[in-house]
Amino acid sequence: LFFNDTATTEIYTEQIVGSVRCVQETGINAEYMGTIRSKVCNLIGNICRHSGFFYDVLLKYDLISDAIKCCQDPDKHTRKFACFAVGNAGFHSDKLYEHLRPCIPYLTELLKDPEEKTRANAAGALGNLVRNSSSLAKDLIKHGALHQLLEVVVSDKGPSQSPRRIALFSIGNLCVYPECKKVFEELNIRSIIDPAVLQKYKAVSYTHLRAHETPEHLVCRLLLEKKK
């Protein structure tokens, strides 16, 4: 969905929110409501995919708190799209970070979800929560998100390897901040990221490394950079 002006956005968003809440009040069966919740979370994620234009609208209609609640939903599809929604709500700026703070323990727990795509979405969302500032870094440390992301790198057996690769990117985002890098060092991250890879990229130029960067290389680069 793409709207050309704020007035149109307000009209359509109000209709969407009104319809969803009307259905919630009708006592419709739980399975159908799960489908609706998952589609609403998917909508939130998609309208925030390319810009932060809708962030104020999400706040006005309290859709951020609704998406956060859906991270604990019994429906597996709703949990998956809730991670997608809150992740994109933190991607373009830190404007919503304070409102997204309560989702950190839920996202951390979802790194252990049975669904591979949900684990990947949760890993990406946690990385987005430090993409634009360090304001939530202490909360991520407090709730064990750094440890669990590293556990995904070590132990996730998903066939696509998507959770592992996205967790590495998120670890790279976190390593930008000294307090997070310190925690990763305490968790012995250098022994987890292949020592041979780490040694190899000590001898590679910074420009070459950036031009051919993979998730593993990103983490290696950020660990090898001197603290400013």
Protein backbone atom coordinates (compact mmCIF):
# COMPACT_ATOMS: atom_id res chain seq x y z
CA LEU A 1 0.00 0.00 0.00
CA PHE A 2 1.33 3.44 -0.94
CA PHE A 3 -0.56 6.64 -0.23
CA ASN A 4 0.35 9.99 -1.72
CA ASP A 5 -0.52 12.28 1.13
CA THR A 6 -1.02 12.32 4.87
CA ALA A 7 -4.79 12.91 4.65
CA THR A 8 -5.30 9.77 2.54
CA THR A 9 -3.03 7.85 4.90
CA GLU A 10 -5.13 8.91 7.89
CA ILE A 11 -8.38 7.84 6.21
CA TYR A 12 -7.17 4.39 5.17
CA THR A 13 -5.37 3.70 8.43
CA GLU A 14 -8.42 4.66 10.46
CA GLN A 15 -10.57 2.33 8.34
CA ILE A 16 -8.11 -0.55 8.75
CA VAL A 17 -7.79 -0.11 12.52
CA GLY A 18 -11.54 0.34 12.93
CA SER A 19 -12.29 -2.80 10.94
CA VAL A 20 -9.83 -4.94 12.86
CA ARG A 21 -11.07 -3.77 16.26
CA CYS A 22 -14.68 -4.23 15.19
CA VAL A 23 -13.94 -7.83 14.26
CA GLN A 24 -12.15 -8.37 17.57
CA GLU A 25 -15.28 -7.35 19.43
CA THR A 26 -17.56 -9.77 17.57
CA GLY A 27 -16.16 -12.85 19.29
CA ILE A 28 -15.22 -14.48 15.99
CA ASN A 29 -13.38 -17.83 16.26
CA ALA A 30 -9.77 -17.79 17.44
CA GLU A 31 -8.28 -19.35 14.29
CA TYR A 32 -9.79 -16.67 12.05
CA MET A 33 -8.68 -13.93 14.43
CA GLY A 34 -5.15 -15.30 14.26
CA THR A 35 -5.26 -14.92 10.48
CA ILE A 36 -6.44 -11.32 10.83
CA ARG A 37 -3.75 -10.46 13.37
CA SER A 38 -1.03 -11.95 11.18
CA LYS A 39 -2.24 -9.97 8.14
CA VAL A 40 -2.37 -6.73 10.12
CA CYS A 41 1.19 -7.30 11.36
CA ASN A 42 2.26 -8.02 7.79
CA LEU A 43 0.59 -4.77 6.68
CA ILE A 44 2.43 -2.79 9.37
CA GLY A 45 5.73 -4.31 8.30
CA ASN A 46 5.12 -3.58 4.64
CA ILE A 47 4.04 0.05 5.03
CA CYS A 48 7.25 0.67 7.00
CA ARG A 49 9.44 -1.23 4.60
CA HIS A 50 10.70 1.63 2.44
CA SER A 51 10.49 4.71 4.68
CA GLY A 52 9.49 6.01 8.10
CA PHE A 53 6.58 7.97 6.60
CA PHE A 54 4.00 5.97 8.56
CA TYR A 55 5.71 6.06 11.95
CA ASP A 56 3.53 8.86 13.30
CA VAL A 57 0.41 7.06 12.11
CA LEU A 58 1.47 3.89 13.94
CA LEU A 59 1.83 5.91 17.11
CA LYS A 60 -1.48 7.72 16.70
CA TYR A 61 -3.43 4.47 16.43
CA ASP A 62 -1.33 2.60 19.01
CA LEU A 63 -0.36 -0.02 16.42
CA ILE A 64 3.15 -0.36 17.84
CA SER A 65 1.88 -1.74 21.15
CA ASP A 66 -0.52 -4.01 19.23
CA ALA A 67 2.36 -5.40 17.17
CA ILE A 68 4.45 -5.94 20.30
CA LYS A 69 1.63 -7.92 21.91
CA CYS A 70 1.47 -10.07 18.79
CA CYS A 71 5.07 -11.15 19.40
CA GLN A 72 3.59 -13.40 22.11
CA ASP A 73 0.67 -14.61 20.01
CA PRO A 74 -0.15 -18.34 20.02
CA ASP A 75 -0.50 -18.23 16.23
CA LYS A 76 2.86 -18.95 14.57
CA HIS A 77 2.15 -16.75 11.53
CA THR A 78 1.23 -13.81 13.75
CA ARG A 79 4.49 -14.12 15.69
CA LYS A 80 6.45 -14.22 12.43
CA PHE A 81 4.83 -11.09 11.01
CA ALA A 82 4.91 -9.29 14.38
CA CYS A 83 8.73 -9.58 14.32
CA PHE A 84 8.67 -8.24 10.76
CA ALA A 85 6.49 -5.30 11.86
CA VAL A 86 8.49 -4.20 14.89
CA GLY A 87 11.73 -4.70 13.00
CA ASN A 88 10.70 -2.34 10.21
CA ALA A 89 9.34 0.12 12.78
CA GLY A 90 12.93 0.49 13.96
CA PHE A 91 14.72 0.38 10.62
CA HIS A 92 14.61 3.93 9.24
CA SER A 93 15.23 5.99 12.39
CA ASP A 94 15.25 5.77 16.17
CA LYS A 95 12.00 7.75 16.41
CA LEU A 96 10.03 4.75 17.71
CA TYR A 97 12.80 3.17 19.79
CA GLU A 98 11.31 4.19 23.13
CA HIS A 99 7.96 2.71 22.13
CA LEU A 100 9.67 -0.46 20.89
CA ARG A 101 11.64 -0.98 24.11
CA PRO A 102 9.07 -3.45 25.58
CA CYS A 103 9.48 -5.84 22.65
CA ILE A 104 13.13 -6.64 23.42
CA PRO A 105 12.53 -9.60 25.80
CA TYR A 106 9.91 -11.05 23.42
CA LEU A 107 12.22 -10.81 20.40
CA THR A 108 15.02 -12.39 22.41
CA GLU A 109 12.78 -15.31 23.31
CA LEU A 110 11.62 -15.64 19.69
CA LEU A 111 15.20 -16.40 18.65
CA LYS A 112 14.31 -19.88 19.96
CA ASP A 113 10.97 -20.12 18.12
CA PRO A 114 10.31 -23.40 16.24
CA GLU A 115 9.71 -21.48 13.00
CA GLU A 116 12.91 -20.66 11.10
CA LYS A 117 11.49 -17.50 9.49
CA THR A 118 10.34 -16.21 12.87
CA ARG A 119 13.85 -16.69 14.29
CA ALA A 120 15.29 -14.83 11.30
CA ASN A 121 12.80 -11.96 11.64
CA ALA A 122 13.47 -11.70 15.38
CA ALA A 123 17.23 -11.59 14.79
CA GLY A 124 16.82 -8.84 12.20
CA ALA A 125 14.48 -6.83 14.41
CA LEU A 126 16.98 -6.88 17.31
CA GLY A 127 19.70 -5.58 14.99
CA ASN A 128 17.42 -2.79 13.78
CA LEU A 129 16.92 -1.64 17.38
CA VAL A 130 20.54 -0.46 17.42
CA ARG A 131 20.81 0.46 13.75
CA ASN A 132 20.18 4.18 14.35
CA SER A 133 21.39 4.82 17.90
CA SER A 134 22.61 3.10 21.06
CA SER A 135 19.59 4.14 23.17
CA LEU A 136 18.36 0.54 23.52
CA ALA A 137 21.79 -1.13 23.78
CA LYS A 138 21.65 -1.50 27.57
CA ASP A 139 18.21 -3.11 27.36
CA LEU A 140 19.46 -5.58 24.78
CA ILE A 141 22.33 -6.49 27.08
CA LYS A 142 20.05 -6.68 30.12
CA HIS A 143 17.61 -9.10 28.47
CA GLY A 144 20.31 -11.40 27.12
CA ALA A 145 19.78 -10.58 23.45
CA LEU A 146 23.52 -10.54 22.69
CA HIS A 147 24.04 -13.97 24.21
CA GLN A 148 21.03 -15.40 22.36
CA LEU A 149 22.10 -13.94 19.01
CA LEU A 150 25.47 -15.59 19.46
CA GLU A 151 23.70 -18.84 20.35
CA VAL A 152 21.83 -18.63 17.03
CA VAL A 153 25.16 -18.34 15.20
CA VAL A 154 26.49 -21.39 17.02
CA SER A 155 23.45 -23.65 17.18
CA ASP A 156 20.72 -22.73 14.69
CA LYS A 157 20.19 -25.68 12.36
CA GLY A 158 17.65 -24.07 10.01
CA PRO A 159 18.16 -25.42 6.48
CA SER A 160 18.28 -21.96 4.87
CA GLN A 161 20.83 -20.64 7.40
CA SER A 162 18.85 -17.39 7.30
CA PRO A 163 18.63 -16.96 11.11
CA ARG A 164 22.37 -17.46 11.44
CA ARG A 165 23.28 -14.99 8.70
CA ILE A 166 20.85 -12.33 9.93
CA ALA A 167 22.05 -12.83 13.51
CA LEU A 168 25.59 -12.14 12.28
CA PHE A 169 24.47 -8.89 10.65
CA SER A 170 22.75 -7.88 13.88
CA ILE A 171 25.86 -8.73 15.89
CA GLY A 172 27.73 -6.47 13.46
CA ASN A 173 25.30 -3.64 14.24
CA LEU A 174 25.79 -4.20 17.95
CA CYS A 175 29.60 -4.33 17.71
CA VAL A 176 29.56 -0.67 16.65
CA TYR A 177 28.94 0.22 20.31
CA PRO A 178 31.76 -0.30 22.86
CA GLU A 179 29.43 -1.59 25.60
CA CYS A 180 28.10 -4.29 23.28
CA LYS A 181 31.51 -5.18 21.86
CA LYS A 182 32.73 -5.63 25.46
CA VAL A 183 29.91 -8.09 26.19
CA PHE A 184 30.65 -10.07 23.02
CA GLU A 185 34.32 -10.23 23.96
CA GLU A 186 33.29 -11.58 27.38
CA LEU A 187 31.17 -14.19 25.57
CA ASN A 188 34.34 -15.25 23.71
CA ILE A 189 33.02 -14.25 20.29
CA ARG A 190 36.48 -14.50 18.70
CA SER A 191 36.53 -18.24 19.28
CA ILE A 192 33.05 -18.58 17.75
CA ILE A 193 33.69 -16.59 14.59
CA ASP A 194 36.04 -18.94 12.74
CA PRO A 195 39.58 -18.09 13.94
CA ALA A 196 40.95 -18.85 10.48
CA VAL A 197 38.59 -16.33 8.93
CA LEU A 198 39.50 -13.75 11.58
CA GLN A 199 43.22 -14.29 10.99
CA LYS A 200 42.79 -14.16 7.21
CA TYR A 201 41.08 -10.79 7.29
CA LYS A 202 43.77 -9.23 9.46
CA ALA A 203 45.86 -9.21 6.30
CA VAL A 204 43.18 -7.87 3.95
CA SER A 205 42.84 -4.16 3.23
CA TYR A 206 39.89 -2.28 4.74
CA THR A 207 38.69 -1.24 1.26
CA HIS A 208 38.78 -4.81 -0.03
CA LEU A 209 36.98 -6.09 3.05
CA ARG A 210 34.14 -3.58 2.69
CA ALA A 211 33.77 -4.33 -1.02
CA HIS A 212 33.39 -8.10 -0.46
CA GLU A 213 31.72 -8.09 2.95
CA THR A 214 29.68 -11.07 4.16
CA PRO A 215 28.03 -11.25 7.60
CA GLU A 216 31.09 -13.06 8.98
CA HIS A 217 33.43 -10.46 7.49
CA LEU A 218 31.35 -7.63 8.95
CA VAL A 219 31.70 -9.04 12.46
CA CYS A 220 35.41 -9.66 11.94
CA ARG A 221 35.96 -6.10 10.72
CA LEU A 222 34.14 -4.57 13.65
CA LEU A 223 36.04 -6.72 16.14
CA LEU A 224 39.38 -5.83 14.55
CA GLU A 225 38.75 -2.09 14.35
CA LYS A 226 40.39 -0.11 17.10
CA LYS A 227 38.12 1.46 19.68
CA LYS A 228 37.72 5.15 19.01
